[in-house]
Amino acid sequence: MSGAAAHCGGDGTYILEVDCFGVNLAGGPVFGPYFKSVTGYADSPNHPSRDCMMPTTLGQIGIATDARITSNPTRPGLPSNAYEYDPGR
């Protein structure tokens, strides 16, 4: 599995968090775990997703080791200048 997508019903927002492991040239350690997240909106026709395999845009080649939907962040968010920055975090 190289990523995850989510959809939730109800009201408000949720956070999809994906734990990845592999090569990450976008920042931090070059080899090891890296974390990705995105905010989703309940009952939206859009399904937020994050992919651990983005070799051409982020230099990331990895697998998803865990994924979860939560109302509160459990992993660090990406910096505001990151390609996949999530303004909902």
N, C-alpha and C. Protein backbone atom coordinates (compact mmCIF):
# COMPACT_ATOMS: atom_id res chain seq x y z
N MET A 1 0.85 -1.16 0.00
CA MET A 1 0.00 0.00 0.00
C MET A 1 0.90 1.23 0.00
N SER A 2 0.61 2.17 -0.88
CA SER A 2 1.45 3.36 -0.96
C SER A 2 0.76 4.63 -0.51
N GLY A 3 -0.50 4.55 -0.06
CA GLY A 3 -1.20 5.74 0.40
C GLY A 3 -2.57 5.40 0.95
N ALA A 4 -3.35 6.44 1.22
CA ALA A 4 -4.68 6.24 1.80
C ALA A 4 -5.60 7.39 1.39
N ALA A 5 -6.90 7.10 1.36
CA ALA A 5 -7.93 8.10 1.11
C ALA A 5 -9.02 7.91 2.16
N ALA A 6 -9.83 8.96 2.37
CA ALA A 6 -10.85 8.88 3.42
C ALA A 6 -12.13 9.59 3.01
N HIS A 7 -13.23 9.18 3.63
CA HIS A 7 -14.52 9.86 3.51
C HIS A 7 -15.28 9.63 4.81
N CYS A 8 -15.81 10.70 5.37
CA CYS A 8 -16.60 10.60 6.61
C CYS A 8 -17.91 11.35 6.44
N GLY A 9 -18.95 10.84 7.08
CA GLY A 9 -20.22 11.51 7.10
C GLY A 9 -20.35 12.34 8.37
N GLY A 10 -21.40 13.15 8.44
CA GLY A 10 -21.63 13.94 9.64
C GLY A 10 -21.32 15.41 9.43
N ASP A 11 -20.88 16.08 10.50
CA ASP A 11 -20.58 17.50 10.46
C ASP A 11 -19.11 17.75 10.75
N GLY A 12 -18.59 18.87 10.28
CA GLY A 12 -17.26 19.31 10.67
C GLY A 12 -16.14 18.78 9.80
N THR A 13 -14.97 18.69 10.43
CA THR A 13 -13.76 18.29 9.71
C THR A 13 -13.12 17.08 10.39
N TYR A 14 -12.21 16.46 9.69
CA TYR A 14 -11.42 15.36 10.23
C TYR A 14 -10.04 15.42 9.59
N ILE A 15 -9.10 14.70 10.16
CA ILE A 15 -7.74 14.67 9.64
C ILE A 15 -7.39 13.24 9.23
N LEU A 16 -6.94 13.08 8.00
CA LEU A 16 -6.40 11.81 7.53
C LEU A 16 -4.90 11.88 7.71
N GLU A 17 -4.34 10.97 8.50
CA GLU A 17 -2.90 10.91 8.73
C GLU A 17 -2.36 9.61 8.13
N VAL A 18 -1.25 9.70 7.42
CA VAL A 18 -0.61 8.54 6.82
C VAL A 18 0.84 8.51 7.27
N ASP A 19 1.26 7.39 7.85
CA ASP A 19 2.66 7.18 8.21
C ASP A 19 3.33 6.44 7.07
N CYS A 20 4.44 6.99 6.59
CA CYS A 20 5.18 6.40 5.47
C CYS A 20 6.57 5.99 5.92
N PHE A 21 7.17 5.07 5.17
CA PHE A 21 8.55 4.66 5.43
C PHE A 21 9.24 4.45 4.09
N GLY A 22 10.41 5.08 3.93
CA GLY A 22 11.16 4.93 2.69
C GLY A 22 12.11 6.08 2.49
N VAL A 23 12.35 6.44 1.23
CA VAL A 23 13.24 7.53 0.86
C VAL A 23 12.42 8.81 0.77
N ASN A 24 12.92 9.88 1.42
CA ASN A 24 12.22 11.16 1.44
C ASN A 24 13.23 12.26 1.21
N LEU A 25 13.27 12.81 0.01
CA LEU A 25 14.20 13.90 -0.31
C LEU A 25 13.58 15.27 -0.07
N ALA A 26 12.35 15.32 0.45
CA ALA A 26 11.64 16.58 0.66
C ALA A 26 12.05 17.27 1.96
N GLY A 27 12.81 16.63 2.82
CA GLY A 27 13.23 17.22 4.08
C GLY A 27 13.27 16.18 5.18
N GLY A 28 14.05 16.45 6.20
CA GLY A 28 14.20 15.49 7.29
C GLY A 28 15.17 14.40 6.91
N PRO A 29 15.15 13.27 7.61
CA PRO A 29 16.05 12.17 7.27
C PRO A 29 15.78 11.67 5.84
N VAL A 30 16.83 11.33 5.13
CA VAL A 30 16.68 10.86 3.74
C VAL A 30 16.02 9.49 3.69
N PHE A 31 16.31 8.63 4.66
CA PHE A 31 15.71 7.30 4.69
C PHE A 31 15.12 7.05 6.07
N GLY A 32 13.88 6.63 6.12
CA GLY A 32 13.22 6.35 7.39
C GLY A 32 11.76 6.76 7.34
N PRO A 33 11.14 6.98 8.50
CA PRO A 33 9.72 7.34 8.53
C PRO A 33 9.50 8.81 8.15
N TYR A 34 8.39 9.07 7.49
CA TYR A 34 7.94 10.44 7.25
C TYR A 34 6.41 10.42 7.31
N PHE A 35 5.82 11.55 7.67
CA PHE A 35 4.39 11.63 7.95
C PHE A 35 3.71 12.60 7.00
N LYS A 36 2.49 12.24 6.62
CA LYS A 36 1.70 13.08 5.73
C LYS A 36 0.29 13.18 6.30
N SER A 37 -0.35 14.33 6.10
CA SER A 37 -1.71 14.49 6.59
C SER A 37 -2.47 15.49 5.73
N VAL A 38 -3.78 15.43 5.82
CA VAL A 38 -4.65 16.34 5.10
C VAL A 38 -5.97 16.45 5.87
N THR A 39 -6.57 17.64 5.85
CA THR A 39 -7.87 17.85 6.48
C THR A 39 -8.97 17.55 5.48
N GLY A 40 -9.97 16.79 5.93
CA GLY A 40 -11.13 16.49 5.11
C GLY A 40 -12.37 17.14 5.70
N TYR A 41 -13.38 17.32 4.89
CA TYR A 41 -14.63 17.94 5.33
C TYR A 41 -15.76 16.93 5.20
N ALA A 42 -16.51 16.75 6.27
CA ALA A 42 -17.55 15.72 6.32
C ALA A 42 -18.57 15.91 5.20
N ASP A 43 -18.98 14.79 4.64
CA ASP A 43 -19.97 14.73 3.55
C ASP A 43 -19.59 15.55 2.33
N SER A 44 -18.32 15.77 2.12
CA SER A 44 -17.85 16.47 0.92
C SER A 44 -17.72 15.46 -0.21
N PRO A 45 -17.99 15.87 -1.43
CA PRO A 45 -17.80 14.94 -2.55
C PRO A 45 -16.32 14.66 -2.83
N ASN A 46 -15.44 15.49 -2.29
CA ASN A 46 -14.00 15.27 -2.46
C ASN A 46 -13.50 14.32 -1.39
N HIS A 47 -12.64 13.41 -1.76
CA HIS A 47 -12.06 12.46 -0.82
C HIS A 47 -10.58 12.79 -0.64
N PRO A 48 -10.20 13.34 0.52
CA PRO A 48 -8.79 13.67 0.71
C PRO A 48 -7.93 12.42 0.71
N SER A 49 -6.70 12.57 0.23
CA SER A 49 -5.79 11.43 0.18
C SER A 49 -4.36 11.91 0.30
N ARG A 50 -3.49 11.01 0.69
CA ARG A 50 -2.05 11.26 0.72
C ARG A 50 -1.36 10.01 0.21
N ASP A 51 -0.34 10.21 -0.61
CA ASP A 51 0.39 9.11 -1.24
C ASP A 51 1.85 9.16 -0.82
N CYS A 52 2.40 8.03 -0.42
CA CYS A 52 3.81 7.94 -0.02
C CYS A 52 4.74 7.85 -1.22
N MET A 53 4.18 7.58 -2.41
CA MET A 53 4.98 7.47 -3.63
C MET A 53 4.79 8.72 -4.48
N MET A 54 5.68 9.69 -4.33
CA MET A 54 5.65 10.90 -5.14
C MET A 54 7.08 11.21 -5.60
N PRO A 55 7.66 10.33 -6.43
CA PRO A 55 9.07 10.47 -6.79
C PRO A 55 9.39 11.72 -7.60
N THR A 56 8.50 12.17 -8.47
CA THR A 56 8.85 13.30 -9.32
C THR A 56 8.59 14.65 -8.66
N THR A 57 7.56 14.80 -7.83
CA THR A 57 7.26 16.10 -7.23
C THR A 57 7.94 16.30 -5.88
N LEU A 58 8.06 15.25 -5.06
CA LEU A 58 8.62 15.41 -3.73
C LEU A 58 9.87 14.56 -3.47
N GLY A 59 10.22 13.69 -4.38
CA GLY A 59 11.36 12.82 -4.13
C GLY A 59 11.08 11.80 -3.05
N GLN A 60 9.83 11.34 -2.97
CA GLN A 60 9.43 10.36 -1.95
C GLN A 60 9.12 9.03 -2.62
N ILE A 61 9.79 7.98 -2.13
CA ILE A 61 9.53 6.62 -2.60
C ILE A 61 9.38 5.77 -1.34
N GLY A 62 8.14 5.46 -0.99
CA GLY A 62 7.92 4.73 0.24
C GLY A 62 6.62 3.96 0.24
N ILE A 63 6.37 3.32 1.36
CA ILE A 63 5.13 2.57 1.56
C ILE A 63 4.40 3.16 2.75
N ALA A 64 3.10 2.99 2.77
CA ALA A 64 2.29 3.41 3.91
C ALA A 64 2.34 2.30 4.97
N THR A 65 2.73 2.65 6.18
CA THR A 65 2.79 1.67 7.26
C THR A 65 1.60 1.78 8.19
N ASP A 66 0.88 2.92 8.16
CA ASP A 66 -0.29 3.10 9.01
C ASP A 66 -1.09 4.27 8.46
N ALA A 67 -2.40 4.25 8.69
CA ALA A 67 -3.27 5.36 8.31
C ALA A 67 -4.39 5.44 9.32
N ARG A 68 -4.83 6.65 9.61
CA ARG A 68 -5.91 6.82 10.59
C ARG A 68 -6.69 8.10 10.29
N ILE A 69 -7.94 8.11 10.72
CA ILE A 69 -8.79 9.29 10.68
C ILE A 69 -8.97 9.75 12.12
N THR A 70 -8.72 11.02 12.38
CA THR A 70 -8.77 11.53 13.74
C THR A 70 -9.32 12.95 13.74
N SER A 71 -9.79 13.40 14.87
CA SER A 71 -10.25 14.79 14.99
C SER A 71 -9.13 15.69 15.51
N ASN A 72 -8.10 15.09 16.12
CA ASN A 72 -6.97 15.84 16.64
C ASN A 72 -5.68 15.28 16.05
N PRO A 73 -4.75 16.15 15.62
CA PRO A 73 -3.50 15.66 15.03
C PRO A 73 -2.69 14.83 16.02
N THR A 74 -2.12 13.72 15.55
CA THR A 74 -1.26 12.90 16.40
C THR A 74 0.18 12.90 15.89
N ARG A 75 0.41 13.48 14.72
CA ARG A 75 1.74 13.57 14.13
C ARG A 75 2.02 15.03 13.78
N PRO A 76 3.29 15.39 13.64
CA PRO A 76 3.59 16.78 13.26
C PRO A 76 3.06 17.11 11.88
N GLY A 77 2.58 18.32 11.70
CA GLY A 77 2.11 18.76 10.39
C GLY A 77 3.27 19.23 9.53
N LEU A 78 3.03 19.38 8.26
CA LEU A 78 4.07 19.86 7.35
C LEU A 78 4.25 21.36 7.51
N PRO A 79 5.44 21.88 7.26
CA PRO A 79 5.66 23.33 7.33
C PRO A 79 4.85 24.06 6.26
N SER A 80 4.59 25.34 6.46
CA SER A 80 3.72 26.11 5.56
C SER A 80 4.29 26.26 4.16
N ASN A 81 5.58 26.00 3.96
CA ASN A 81 6.14 26.09 2.62
C ASN A 81 6.24 24.74 1.92
N ALA A 82 5.68 23.69 2.52
CA ALA A 82 5.74 22.36 1.94
C ALA A 82 4.77 22.24 0.76
N TYR A 83 5.13 21.38 -0.21
CA TYR A 83 4.31 21.19 -1.41
C TYR A 83 2.89 20.73 -1.04
N GLU A 84 2.77 19.85 -0.05
CA GLU A 84 1.48 19.31 0.35
C GLU A 84 0.96 19.95 1.64
N TYR A 85 1.32 21.20 1.91
CA TYR A 85 0.86 21.88 3.12
C TYR A 85 -0.66 21.84 3.21
N ASP A 86 -1.15 21.56 4.39
CA ASP A 86 -2.59 21.48 4.63
C ASP A 86 -3.02 22.67 5.47
N PRO A 87 -3.69 23.67 4.87
CA PRO A 87 -4.09 24.86 5.63
C PRO A 87 -5.08 24.56 6.75
N GLY A 88 -5.70 23.37 6.72
CA GLY A 88 -6.63 23.00 7.79
C GLY A 88 -5.95 22.60 9.08
N ARG A 89 -4.62 22.35 9.05
CA ARG A 89 -3.88 21.94 10.25
C ARG A 89 -3.48 23.13 11.01
